[in-house]
Amino acid sequence: MIALIQRVTNASVKVENKIVGQIEQGLLVLLGVEQHDDEQKAQRLCDKVLGYRVFGDSDGKMNLNVQQIQGQILVVSQFTLAADTQKGMRPSFSKSAPPILAKHLYEHFVNYCHKVLPTQTGIFAADMQISLVNDGPVTFWLQI
């Protein structure tokens, strides 16, 4: 399971020109699910996302996590993160989870996050447009 996290001052996701999820300071999480992922991996990745220290402390060092700053989470499904790009000029999605499993684990991840912090989402498998102000910029690839 893969999370591309971006520290943001704000972010939103639109579907058909309508905002379906929006946050202020926090993390935008682009979430990719692979074939062999399960609920335990989803929980471990969520714990890592929520605990990852990417926010500045009083000295400007990345020592605080999203919980410590009382931030928000925006989770957007992104199956392309599981793409194999090693060969050729077109990505292969053979490592991606089938849609039924991916949706289940995406929802599990979101529900687990929501227990801890305010969490907004996009719409699974929809064509979405994301707007964000990446703070820093700070972006990390987390994988379990």
C-alpha atoms as a PDB file:
ATOM      1  CA  MET A   1       0.000   0.000   0.000  1.00  0.00           C
ATOM      2  CA  ILE A   2       1.327   3.399  -0.980  1.00  0.00           C
ATOM      3  CA  ALA A   3       0.644   6.899   0.322  1.00  0.00           C
ATOM      4  CA  LEU A   4       2.063   9.945  -1.389  1.00  0.00           C
ATOM      5  CA  ILE A   5       1.637  12.614   1.276  1.00  0.00           C
ATOM      6  CA  GLN A   6       1.899  16.338   0.765  1.00  0.00           C
ATOM      7  CA  ARG A   7       1.972  18.916   3.538  1.00  0.00           C
ATOM      8  CA  VAL A   8      -0.624  21.504   2.564  1.00  0.00           C
ATOM      9  CA  THR A   9      -1.978  24.812   3.792  1.00  0.00           C
ATOM     10  CA  ASN A  10      -5.213  23.864   2.004  1.00  0.00           C
ATOM     11  CA  ALA A  11      -6.453  21.321  -0.518  1.00  0.00           C
ATOM     12  CA  SER A  12      -9.674  20.378  -2.241  1.00  0.00           C
ATOM     13  CA  VAL A  13     -10.954  17.760  -4.647  1.00  0.00           C
ATOM     14  CA  LYS A  14     -13.681  18.280  -7.232  1.00  0.00           C
ATOM     15  CA  VAL A  15     -15.838  15.822  -9.126  1.00  0.00           C
ATOM     16  CA  GLU A  16     -17.879  17.187 -12.033  1.00  0.00           C
ATOM     17  CA  ASN A  17     -16.968  20.744 -10.981  1.00  0.00           C
ATOM     18  CA  LYS A  18     -18.339  20.262  -7.448  1.00  0.00           C
ATOM     19  CA  ILE A  19     -16.093  20.240  -4.363  1.00  0.00           C
ATOM     20  CA  VAL A  20     -16.526  16.871  -2.638  1.00  0.00           C
ATOM     21  CA  GLY A  21     -13.676  17.175  -0.102  1.00  0.00           C
ATOM     22  CA  GLN A  22     -11.760  20.126   1.296  1.00  0.00           C
ATOM     23  CA  ILE A  23      -9.287  20.746   4.124  1.00  0.00           C
ATOM     24  CA  GLU A  24      -7.205  23.521   5.593  1.00  0.00           C
ATOM     25  CA  GLN A  25      -3.749  22.841   7.090  1.00  0.00           C
ATOM     26  CA  GLY A  26      -2.864  19.178   7.071  1.00  0.00           C
ATOM     27  CA  LEU A  27      -1.996  16.371   4.686  1.00  0.00           C
ATOM     28  CA  LEU A  28      -3.209  15.495   1.226  1.00  0.00           C
ATOM     29  CA  VAL A  29      -2.873  11.711   0.938  1.00  0.00           C
ATOM     30  CA  LEU A  30      -2.876  10.125  -2.498  1.00  0.00           C
ATOM     31  CA  LEU A  31      -3.529   6.453  -1.749  1.00  0.00           C
ATOM     32  CA  GLY A  32      -2.592   3.521  -3.982  1.00  0.00           C
ATOM     33  CA  VAL A  33      -3.608  -0.058  -3.226  1.00  0.00           C
ATOM     34  CA  GLU A  34      -1.659  -3.043  -4.513  1.00  0.00           C
ATOM     35  CA  GLN A  35      -2.746  -6.659  -5.070  1.00  0.00           C
ATOM     36  CA  HIS A  36      -1.382  -8.131  -1.849  1.00  0.00           C
ATOM     37  CA  ASP A  37      -2.523  -5.373   0.503  1.00  0.00           C
ATOM     38  CA  ASP A  38      -4.876  -6.065   3.397  1.00  0.00           C
ATOM     39  CA  GLU A  39      -6.579  -4.297   6.320  1.00  0.00           C
ATOM     40  CA  GLN A  40      -3.529  -4.689   8.541  1.00  0.00           C
ATOM     41  CA  LYS A  41      -1.333  -2.916   5.968  1.00  0.00           C
ATOM     42  CA  ALA A  42      -3.962  -0.163   5.632  1.00  0.00           C
ATOM     43  CA  GLN A  43      -3.915   0.424   9.394  1.00  0.00           C
ATOM     44  CA  ARG A  44      -0.112   0.391   9.559  1.00  0.00           C
ATOM     45  CA  LEU A  45       0.106   2.884   6.708  1.00  0.00           C
ATOM     46  CA  CYS A  46      -2.505   5.119   8.316  1.00  0.00           C
ATOM     47  CA  ASP A  47      -0.571   5.030  11.610  1.00  0.00           C
ATOM     48  CA  LYS A  48       2.569   6.004   9.701  1.00  0.00           C
ATOM     49  CA  VAL A  49       0.803   8.855   7.871  1.00  0.00           C
ATOM     50  CA  LEU A  50      -0.703  10.190  11.110  1.00  0.00           C
ATOM     51  CA  GLY A  51       2.589   9.904  12.983  1.00  0.00           C
ATOM     52  CA  TYR A  52       5.005  11.072  10.278  1.00  0.00           C
ATOM     53  CA  ARG A  53       6.769  14.245  11.443  1.00  0.00           C
ATOM     54  CA  VAL A  54       6.549  16.703   8.555  1.00  0.00           C
ATOM     55  CA  PHE A  55       5.398  19.896  10.307  1.00  0.00           C
ATOM     56  CA  GLY A  56       7.746  22.460  11.771  1.00  0.00           C
ATOM     57  CA  ASP A  57       8.229  22.969  15.490  1.00  0.00           C
ATOM     58  CA  SER A  58       9.118  26.317  17.104  1.00  0.00           C
ATOM     59  CA  ASP A  59      12.656  25.970  15.695  1.00  0.00           C
ATOM     60  CA  GLY A  60      11.383  25.264  12.185  1.00  0.00           C
ATOM     61  CA  LYS A  61      12.474  21.603  12.292  1.00  0.00           C
ATOM     62  CA  MET A  62      10.171  18.835  11.059  1.00  0.00           C
ATOM     63  CA  ASN A  63       9.390  17.416  14.498  1.00  0.00           C
ATOM     64  CA  LEU A  64       5.581  17.528  14.590  1.00  0.00           C
ATOM     65  CA  ASN A  65       3.020  15.223  13.025  1.00  0.00           C
ATOM     66  CA  VAL A  66      -0.417  16.125  11.693  1.00  0.00           C
ATOM     67  CA  GLN A  67      -2.054  15.122  14.982  1.00  0.00           C
ATOM     68  CA  GLN A  68       0.182  17.427  17.016  1.00  0.00           C
ATOM     69  CA  ILE A  69      -0.746  20.431  14.896  1.00  0.00           C
ATOM     70  CA  GLN A  70      -4.436  19.412  14.955  1.00  0.00           C
ATOM     71  CA  GLY A  71      -4.441  19.268  11.169  1.00  0.00           C
ATOM     72  CA  GLN A  72      -6.808  17.648   8.738  1.00  0.00           C
ATOM     73  CA  ILE A  73      -6.519  14.822   6.209  1.00  0.00           C
ATOM     74  CA  LEU A  74      -7.754  14.669   2.604  1.00  0.00           C
ATOM     75  CA  VAL A  75      -7.544  11.142   1.154  1.00  0.00           C
ATOM     76  CA  VAL A  76      -7.821  10.637  -2.600  1.00  0.00           C
ATOM     77  CA  SER A  77      -7.666   7.228  -4.281  1.00  0.00           C
ATOM     78  CA  GLN A  78      -4.864   7.060  -6.847  1.00  0.00           C
ATOM     79  CA  PHE A  79      -4.445   3.672  -8.511  1.00  0.00           C
ATOM     80  CA  THR A  80      -1.655   5.035 -10.727  1.00  0.00           C
ATOM     81  CA  LEU A  81       0.727   4.998  -7.739  1.00  0.00           C
ATOM     82  CA  ALA A  82       0.873   1.204  -8.085  1.00  0.00           C
ATOM     83  CA  ALA A  83       1.961   1.413 -11.737  1.00  0.00           C
ATOM     84  CA  ASP A  84       5.002  -0.449 -12.968  1.00  0.00           C
ATOM     85  CA  THR A  85       7.008   2.038 -15.039  1.00  0.00           C
ATOM     86  CA  GLN A  86      10.206   0.007 -15.457  1.00  0.00           C
ATOM     87  CA  LYS A  87       9.637  -1.063 -19.059  1.00  0.00           C
ATOM     88  CA  GLY A  88       8.462   0.698 -22.167  1.00  0.00           C
ATOM     89  CA  MET A  89       6.652   3.982 -22.565  1.00  0.00           C
ATOM     90  CA  ARG A  90       3.287   2.968 -21.114  1.00  0.00           C
ATOM     91  CA  PRO A  91       2.639   2.083 -17.455  1.00  0.00           C
ATOM     92  CA  SER A  92       1.488  -1.388 -16.480  1.00  0.00           C
ATOM     93  CA  PHE A  93      -1.114  -1.706 -13.742  1.00  0.00           C
ATOM     94  CA  SER A  94      -0.582  -5.414 -13.084  1.00  0.00           C
ATOM     95  CA  LYS A  95       0.438  -4.692  -9.461  1.00  0.00           C
ATOM     96  CA  SER A  96      -2.723  -2.686  -8.709  1.00  0.00           C
ATOM     97  CA  ALA A  97      -5.417  -4.273  -6.575  1.00  0.00           C
ATOM     98  CA  PRO A  98      -8.689  -5.215  -8.257  1.00  0.00           C
ATOM     99  CA  PRO A  99     -11.300  -2.456  -7.825  1.00  0.00           C
ATOM    100  CA  ILE A 100     -13.390  -4.311  -5.210  1.00  0.00           C
ATOM    101  CA  LEU A 101     -10.374  -4.899  -2.938  1.00  0.00           C
ATOM    102  CA  ALA A 102      -8.966  -1.434  -3.577  1.00  0.00           C
ATOM    103  CA  LYS A 103     -12.250   0.256  -2.648  1.00  0.00           C
ATOM    104  CA  HIS A 104     -12.587  -1.813   0.521  1.00  0.00           C
ATOM    105  CA  LEU A 105      -9.043  -0.984   1.676  1.00  0.00           C
ATOM    106  CA  TYR A 106      -9.393   2.674   0.683  1.00  0.00           C
ATOM    107  CA  GLU A 107     -12.547   2.926   2.829  1.00  0.00           C
ATOM    108  CA  HIS A 108     -10.848   1.041   5.662  1.00  0.00           C
ATOM    109  CA  PHE A 109      -7.907   3.477   5.552  1.00  0.00           C
ATOM    110  CA  VAL A 110     -10.257   6.489   5.535  1.00  0.00           C
ATOM    111  CA  ASN A 111     -12.327   5.159   8.444  1.00  0.00           C
ATOM    112  CA  TYR A 112      -9.188   4.456  10.457  1.00  0.00           C
ATOM    113  CA  CYS A 113      -7.901   8.005   9.837  1.00  0.00           C
ATOM    114  CA  HIS A 114     -11.295   9.504  10.654  1.00  0.00           C
ATOM    115  CA  LYS A 115     -11.172   7.984  14.155  1.00  0.00           C
ATOM    116  CA  VAL A 116      -8.173  10.218  14.902  1.00  0.00           C
ATOM    117  CA  LEU A 117      -8.549  13.435  12.851  1.00  0.00           C
ATOM    118  CA  PRO A 118     -11.082  15.211  10.650  1.00  0.00           C
ATOM    119  CA  THR A 119     -10.801  13.393   7.313  1.00  0.00           C
ATOM    120  CA  GLN A 120     -12.256  14.340   3.937  1.00  0.00           C
ATOM    121  CA  THR A 121     -12.164  12.275   0.749  1.00  0.00           C
ATOM    122  CA  GLY A 122     -12.552  12.287  -2.963  1.00  0.00           C
ATOM    123  CA  ILE A 123     -14.840   9.754  -4.643  1.00  0.00           C
ATOM    124  CA  PHE A 124     -13.298   6.362  -5.283  1.00  0.00           C
ATOM    125  CA  ALA A 125     -12.563   5.723  -8.985  1.00  0.00           C
ATOM    126  CA  ALA A 126     -14.055   9.050 -10.095  1.00  0.00           C
ATOM    127  CA  ASP A 127     -12.374  11.481 -12.450  1.00  0.00           C
ATOM    128  CA  MET A 128     -11.197  14.085  -9.933  1.00  0.00           C
ATOM    129  CA  GLN A 129      -9.457  17.437 -10.040  1.00  0.00           C
ATOM    130  CA  ILE A 130      -7.274  18.289  -7.061  1.00  0.00           C
ATOM    131  CA  SER A 131      -6.243  21.778  -6.000  1.00  0.00           C
ATOM    132  CA  LEU A 132      -3.661  22.299  -3.311  1.00  0.00           C
ATOM    133  CA  VAL A 133      -1.096  24.619  -1.861  1.00  0.00           C
ATOM    134  CA  ASN A 134       1.861  22.375  -1.075  1.00  0.00           C
ATOM    135  CA  ASP A 135       3.507  23.897   1.993  1.00  0.00           C
ATOM    136  CA  GLY A 136       7.291  23.832   1.622  1.00  0.00           C
ATOM    137  CA  PRO A 137       6.956  22.057  -0.766  1.00  0.00           C
ATOM    138  CA  VAL A 138       6.980  18.931   1.379  1.00  0.00           C
ATOM    139  CA  THR A 139       6.102  15.603  -0.281  1.00  0.00           C
ATOM    140  CA  PHE A 140       6.919  12.051   0.872  1.00  0.00           C
ATOM    141  CA  TRP A 141       6.328   8.570  -0.556  1.00  0.00           C
ATOM    142  CA  LEU A 142       5.337   6.119   2.203  1.00  0.00           C
ATOM    143  CA  GLN A 143       4.932   2.434   1.482  1.00  0.00           C
ATOM    144  CA  ILE A 144       3.969  -0.546   3.614  1.00  0.00           C
END
